């Protein structure tokens, strides 16, 4: 394939990123009242939950939080996709 090739219809697969060193998920939270933020944590949400509870304990009127979970995905060519034939199995860019 050349850099100018256009694929009008091709199948792809979407899955969780499993490359070495890739985070499973990153959890964080922000207090809606004051904007205080929990330290983001990789792979475990409990420390963020504990932070929210302690924050409310210190500031009893701060009871709403925006919780954010970042997940990482990877798209790979499926069988039948022209890229399937050109990439070695398990290749990571």
N, C-alpha and C. Protein backbone atom coordinates (compact mmCIF):
# COMPACT_ATOMS: atom_id res chain seq x y z
N UNK A 1 0.84 -1.18 0.00
CA UNK A 1 0.00 0.00 0.00
C UNK A 1 0.88 1.24 0.00
N UNK A 2 0.39 2.24 -0.65
CA UNK A 2 1.10 3.51 -0.67
C UNK A 2 0.46 4.45 0.34
N UNK A 3 1.12 5.54 0.68
CA UNK A 3 0.53 6.48 1.62
C UNK A 3 -0.77 7.10 1.12
N UNK A 4 -1.07 6.96 -0.17
CA UNK A 4 -2.27 7.57 -0.74
C UNK A 4 -3.42 6.59 -0.89
N UNK A 5 -3.26 5.37 -0.45
CA UNK A 5 -4.31 4.37 -0.57
C UNK A 5 -5.50 4.75 0.32
N UNK A 6 -6.68 4.62 -0.21
CA UNK A 6 -7.90 4.88 0.55
C UNK A 6 -8.69 3.59 0.63
N UNK A 7 -9.00 3.18 1.84
CA UNK A 7 -9.82 1.99 2.04
C UNK A 7 -11.24 2.47 2.31
N UNK A 8 -12.15 2.12 1.43
CA UNK A 8 -13.51 2.63 1.58
C UNK A 8 -14.33 1.79 2.55
N UNK A 9 -14.01 0.51 2.67
CA UNK A 9 -14.72 -0.34 3.61
C UNK A 9 -13.76 -1.40 4.12
N UNK A 10 -13.53 -1.42 5.40
CA UNK A 10 -12.64 -2.41 6.00
C UNK A 10 -13.10 -2.68 7.42
N UNK A 11 -12.90 -3.90 7.86
CA UNK A 11 -13.29 -4.25 9.22
C UNK A 11 -12.11 -4.08 10.17
N UNK A 12 -12.42 -3.61 11.35
CA UNK A 12 -11.44 -3.38 12.40
C UNK A 12 -11.98 -4.00 13.68
N UNK A 13 -11.10 -4.31 14.59
CA UNK A 13 -11.53 -4.77 15.91
C UNK A 13 -11.06 -3.77 16.96
N UNK A 14 -11.90 -3.55 17.94
CA UNK A 14 -11.62 -2.63 19.03
C UNK A 14 -11.52 -3.44 20.31
N UNK A 15 -10.44 -3.25 21.07
CA UNK A 15 -10.27 -3.98 22.31
C UNK A 15 -9.50 -3.11 23.30
N UNK A 16 -9.47 -3.57 24.53
CA UNK A 16 -8.70 -2.86 25.55
C UNK A 16 -7.22 -2.95 25.17
N UNK A 17 -6.51 -1.86 25.39
CA UNK A 17 -5.06 -1.84 25.11
C UNK A 17 -4.37 -2.80 26.06
N UNK A 18 -3.54 -3.68 25.52
CA UNK A 18 -2.85 -4.65 26.36
C UNK A 18 -1.34 -4.58 26.19
N UNK A 19 -0.84 -3.54 25.55
CA UNK A 19 0.60 -3.39 25.37
C UNK A 19 1.29 -3.29 26.72
N UNK A 20 2.51 -3.77 26.78
CA UNK A 20 3.27 -3.70 28.01
C UNK A 20 3.40 -2.25 28.48
N UNK A 21 3.07 -2.01 29.74
CA UNK A 21 3.17 -0.68 30.31
C UNK A 21 1.92 0.17 30.14
N UNK A 22 0.96 -0.29 29.35
CA UNK A 22 -0.28 0.48 29.16
C UNK A 22 -1.11 0.40 30.43
N UNK A 23 -1.66 1.53 30.88
CA UNK A 23 -2.49 1.49 32.09
C UNK A 23 -3.78 0.71 31.85
N UNK A 24 -4.25 0.03 32.87
CA UNK A 24 -5.53 -0.67 32.80
C UNK A 24 -6.64 0.38 32.72
N UNK A 25 -6.61 1.31 33.63
CA UNK A 25 -7.54 2.44 33.67
C UNK A 25 -6.96 3.45 34.65
N UNK A 26 -7.28 4.71 34.44
CA UNK A 26 -6.84 5.75 35.36
C UNK A 26 -8.08 6.38 35.97
N UNK A 27 -8.13 6.42 37.29
CA UNK A 27 -9.27 6.94 38.03
C UNK A 27 -8.91 8.28 38.67
N UNK A 28 -9.85 9.21 38.63
CA UNK A 28 -9.66 10.49 39.30
C UNK A 28 -11.03 11.07 39.66
N UNK A 29 -11.04 12.12 40.46
CA UNK A 29 -12.28 12.78 40.85
C UNK A 29 -12.00 14.25 41.15
N UNK A 30 -13.04 15.05 40.95
CA UNK A 30 -12.98 16.48 41.24
C UNK A 30 -14.18 16.86 42.07
N UNK A 31 -13.96 17.65 43.11
CA UNK A 31 -15.06 18.16 43.93
C UNK A 31 -15.80 19.22 43.10
N UNK A 32 -17.09 19.05 42.94
CA UNK A 32 -17.89 20.00 42.17
C UNK A 32 -17.99 21.35 42.89
N UNK A 33 -17.95 21.34 44.21
CA UNK A 33 -18.10 22.57 45.00
C UNK A 33 -16.88 23.47 44.93
N UNK A 34 -15.68 22.90 45.14
CA UNK A 34 -14.49 23.74 45.23
C UNK A 34 -13.43 23.48 44.16
N UNK A 35 -13.60 22.42 43.40
CA UNK A 35 -12.64 22.12 42.34
C UNK A 35 -11.42 21.33 42.79
N UNK A 36 -11.36 20.95 44.07
CA UNK A 36 -10.23 20.13 44.53
C UNK A 36 -10.22 18.82 43.76
N UNK A 37 -9.01 18.32 43.49
CA UNK A 37 -8.88 17.12 42.67
C UNK A 37 -8.10 16.03 43.39
N UNK A 38 -8.59 14.81 43.25
CA UNK A 38 -7.85 13.65 43.75
C UNK A 38 -6.68 13.37 42.81
N UNK A 39 -5.60 12.84 43.35
CA UNK A 39 -4.48 12.41 42.51
C UNK A 39 -4.98 11.27 41.61
N UNK A 40 -4.72 11.31 40.32
CA UNK A 40 -5.10 10.18 39.46
C UNK A 40 -4.37 8.91 39.89
N UNK A 41 -5.08 7.78 39.83
CA UNK A 41 -4.52 6.50 40.25
C UNK A 41 -4.69 5.50 39.11
N UNK A 42 -3.66 4.73 38.84
CA UNK A 42 -3.66 3.72 37.78
C UNK A 42 -4.18 2.39 38.30
N UNK A 43 -5.29 1.92 37.73
CA UNK A 43 -5.75 0.56 37.97
C UNK A 43 -6.53 0.30 39.24
N UNK A 44 -6.74 1.30 40.08
CA UNK A 44 -7.44 1.06 41.34
C UNK A 44 -8.24 2.30 41.72
N UNK A 45 -9.55 2.14 41.86
CA UNK A 45 -10.36 3.32 42.16
C UNK A 45 -10.54 3.59 43.66
N UNK A 46 -10.24 2.63 44.50
CA UNK A 46 -10.44 2.79 45.94
C UNK A 46 -9.76 4.03 46.52
N UNK A 47 -8.49 4.34 46.18
CA UNK A 47 -7.88 5.53 46.75
C UNK A 47 -8.63 6.82 46.39
N UNK A 48 -9.23 6.87 45.22
CA UNK A 48 -9.99 8.05 44.80
C UNK A 48 -11.30 8.12 45.58
N UNK A 49 -11.93 6.99 45.80
CA UNK A 49 -13.16 6.96 46.60
C UNK A 49 -12.88 7.40 48.03
N UNK A 50 -11.79 6.91 48.60
CA UNK A 50 -11.41 7.30 49.98
C UNK A 50 -11.13 8.80 50.03
N UNK A 51 -10.46 9.33 49.00
CA UNK A 51 -10.18 10.77 48.95
C UNK A 51 -11.49 11.56 49.00
N UNK A 52 -12.51 11.14 48.20
CA UNK A 52 -13.79 11.85 48.18
C UNK A 52 -14.46 11.82 49.55
N UNK A 53 -14.43 10.67 50.21
CA UNK A 53 -15.03 10.57 51.54
C UNK A 53 -14.30 11.46 52.55
N UNK A 54 -12.98 11.46 52.51
CA UNK A 54 -12.21 12.31 53.43
C UNK A 54 -12.44 13.79 53.13
N UNK A 55 -12.54 14.13 51.84
CA UNK A 55 -12.78 15.52 51.46
C UNK A 55 -14.12 16.00 52.03
N UNK A 56 -15.15 15.16 51.92
CA UNK A 56 -16.44 15.53 52.49
C UNK A 56 -16.36 15.59 54.01
N UNK A 57 -15.58 14.71 54.62
CA UNK A 57 -15.39 14.76 56.07
C UNK A 57 -14.79 16.09 56.52
N UNK A 58 -13.86 16.61 55.73
CA UNK A 58 -13.24 17.90 56.06
C UNK A 58 -14.12 19.09 55.67
N UNK A 59 -14.97 18.90 54.68
CA UNK A 59 -15.85 19.96 54.17
C UNK A 59 -17.25 19.37 54.00
N UNK A 60 -18.04 19.31 55.08
CA UNK A 60 -19.32 18.60 55.06
C UNK A 60 -20.32 19.05 54.00
N UNK A 61 -20.19 20.24 53.46
CA UNK A 61 -21.13 20.67 52.42
C UNK A 61 -20.65 20.29 51.02
N UNK A 62 -19.46 19.73 50.91
CA UNK A 62 -18.92 19.31 49.60
C UNK A 62 -19.28 17.85 49.38
N UNK A 63 -20.39 17.62 48.71
CA UNK A 63 -20.91 16.26 48.60
C UNK A 63 -21.06 15.76 47.16
N UNK A 64 -20.68 16.58 46.21
CA UNK A 64 -20.79 16.15 44.81
C UNK A 64 -19.41 16.11 44.18
N UNK A 65 -19.17 15.05 43.42
CA UNK A 65 -17.88 14.85 42.78
C UNK A 65 -18.09 14.42 41.33
N UNK A 66 -17.19 14.85 40.51
CA UNK A 66 -17.16 14.35 39.12
C UNK A 66 -16.09 13.27 39.09
N UNK A 67 -16.51 12.04 38.90
CA UNK A 67 -15.58 10.91 38.82
C UNK A 67 -15.24 10.66 37.35
N UNK A 68 -13.97 10.45 37.09
CA UNK A 68 -13.51 10.21 35.71
C UNK A 68 -12.71 8.92 35.67
N UNK A 69 -13.05 8.07 34.71
CA UNK A 69 -12.30 6.85 34.46
C UNK A 69 -11.80 6.90 33.03
N UNK A 70 -10.49 6.85 32.87
CA UNK A 70 -9.90 6.83 31.53
C UNK A 70 -9.51 5.40 31.20
N UNK A 71 -10.08 4.88 30.12
CA UNK A 71 -9.74 3.55 29.63
C UNK A 71 -9.00 3.70 28.31
N UNK A 72 -8.15 2.75 28.02
CA UNK A 72 -7.33 2.83 26.81
C UNK A 72 -7.69 1.69 25.87
N UNK A 73 -7.93 2.05 24.62
CA UNK A 73 -8.35 1.08 23.61
C UNK A 73 -7.31 0.98 22.51
N UNK A 74 -7.42 -0.08 21.76
CA UNK A 74 -6.55 -0.29 20.60
C UNK A 74 -7.42 -0.80 19.46
N UNK A 75 -7.17 -0.30 18.26
CA UNK A 75 -7.87 -0.77 17.06
C UNK A 75 -6.87 -1.55 16.21
N UNK A 76 -7.27 -2.74 15.81
CA UNK A 76 -6.44 -3.61 14.98
C UNK A 76 -7.23 -4.01 13.74
N UNK A 77 -6.54 -4.26 12.63
CA UNK A 77 -7.24 -4.75 11.45
C UNK A 77 -7.80 -6.15 11.68
N UNK A 78 -9.01 -6.39 11.20
CA UNK A 78 -9.64 -7.70 11.30
C UNK A 78 -9.28 -8.51 10.05
N UNK A 79 -9.45 -9.83 10.11
CA UNK A 79 -9.23 -10.63 8.90
C UNK A 79 -10.08 -10.07 7.76
N UNK A 80 -9.49 -9.98 6.59
CA UNK A 80 -10.18 -9.39 5.45
C UNK A 80 -9.83 -7.93 5.22
N UNK A 81 -9.34 -7.25 6.24
CA UNK A 81 -8.88 -5.88 6.11
C UNK A 81 -7.52 -5.92 5.41
N UNK A 82 -7.28 -5.07 4.40
CA UNK A 82 -5.98 -5.10 3.70
C UNK A 82 -4.77 -4.95 4.63
N UNK A 83 -4.92 -4.26 5.74
CA UNK A 83 -3.80 -4.12 6.67
C UNK A 83 -3.50 -5.42 7.41
N UNK A 84 -4.46 -6.32 7.49
CA UNK A 84 -4.28 -7.61 8.17
C UNK A 84 -3.07 -8.35 7.57
N UNK A 85 -2.95 -8.29 6.25
CA UNK A 85 -1.89 -9.01 5.56
C UNK A 85 -0.53 -8.31 5.69
N UNK A 86 -0.50 -7.01 5.92
CA UNK A 86 0.75 -6.27 5.90
C UNK A 86 1.39 -6.13 7.27
N UNK A 87 0.66 -6.45 8.35
CA UNK A 87 1.22 -6.30 9.70
C UNK A 87 1.50 -7.65 10.31
N UNK A 88 2.67 -7.80 10.92
CA UNK A 88 2.92 -9.06 11.65
C UNK A 88 1.99 -9.16 12.84
N UNK A 89 1.54 -10.35 13.17
CA UNK A 89 0.62 -10.53 14.31
C UNK A 89 1.28 -10.05 15.59
N UNK A 90 0.54 -9.28 16.34
CA UNK A 90 1.02 -8.76 17.62
C UNK A 90 1.90 -7.53 17.47
N UNK A 91 2.02 -6.99 16.26
CA UNK A 91 2.89 -5.82 16.07
C UNK A 91 2.28 -4.60 16.76
N UNK A 92 3.10 -3.80 17.35
CA UNK A 92 2.68 -2.54 17.96
C UNK A 92 3.44 -1.42 17.29
N UNK A 93 2.75 -0.34 16.88
CA UNK A 93 3.47 0.77 16.26
C UNK A 93 4.40 1.45 17.24
